[in-house]
Structure formats: C-alpha cells, structure tokens
C-alpha cells in the first residue's frame, strides 16, 4: 500500500466519521438519542487519538447525550474542540494525500515516458536517456517530499506522545486532588460529630 493510498483511506475514514458520527450530534434535526451510543463508540477513540483535552474527553459521553438545544457551555466546548481537532486532522490528511499523490503521479508519468522512449531508435534512445536523468531527479524530489512528510508525521507522533503524557499527568493530579479532598472531608466529618 502506498503512502498516497494510506493517506486517502485515512482521510476517507475521517470524513465518514465526521459525516456519520459527529455532524448528527450537532444538528437538532439529525440528532437521534438512540444512535448516540454508536456515535460515542466511534468518536471516543478518535478524540483520544487526536488529543482532546482530558477534561473534555471525560465530558464527551455526557455532552453528546444531551440534545443540541439543551447543551450547556462545557458541552459546547467539548464539541467545539473535537470539531476543531477533526478539521485540523482532515486538513493534514488532505495535504499528505496531495503530496504523495503528486509525487506518485509524477514518478508514474516519468517512468512511462522513459520506458516508451527506450524502446525507440537511437535518437529516441538519447532522448530517453535524458528523460531518465530527469526522472531520477524527480524521484529524488519525490523521495525528499516523502522524507519531509515522514518528518511531519514524526512531529505529529511526538506531539501526540506529549499530549498523552500531559493527559496522564493531569489524571494523576486529579487523583491526588480528589484523594486530598476526601481526606479533608473525612477529617471534617470527624470534627462535626458531637461528643458522647
């Protein structure tokens, strides 16, 4: 599978998820309560992979269960950030598909041209040799474009790792905060009881 077709498949998968699972949650006339669980199951892993803020990720299931007209600020924030992350990823995938598609098309054209010219007479052989040199140059450019794209993907993976790490730190901080508050509550309960 080529990088171009992989990017195209991922882009299509994302578009399908947006159309089938995200947009129905936002539109009052398309919102169907019985379908919400299916939408949540489809969007939750995607939201996590895209790095939806931990608190918003936690609120996602509750936020999407409310009909659009009944949503409060946090519900809207969840859907807004998820929409922005989905749109950003879609733009990134479109760019990747264009880069890989252009490189693959250019290589394919040059290769076909070179192959045809090599089969002709001596003069055509000279032309084909030049075309072959041009094709190698184009392949180098295409390889450079692939390398650049891989660097972008590596940067995205690094960012994803950082986001996941930050999410884990926030989860630890929340757990510590909750534990401390429960401990304080236990202490206060103990003081509030009258002596017998």
Foldseek 3Di string as FASTA:
>chain_A
DFQLVVLVVVLVLLVCLCVPQLVLLQDLVSPDLVCLVVSCVSCLVVCLQLLPALVLSVCQSVLSNDRNVPHDDSSVVSSVVSVVSSVVVSVLSVVSNVLRVVLVVLLVVLVVQLVVLCPDDPVSVVVSVVSVVVSVVSNVVSVVSVVVSVVVVVVSVVVSVVSVVVSVVVVVVVVVVVVVVVVVVVVVVVVPDDDD
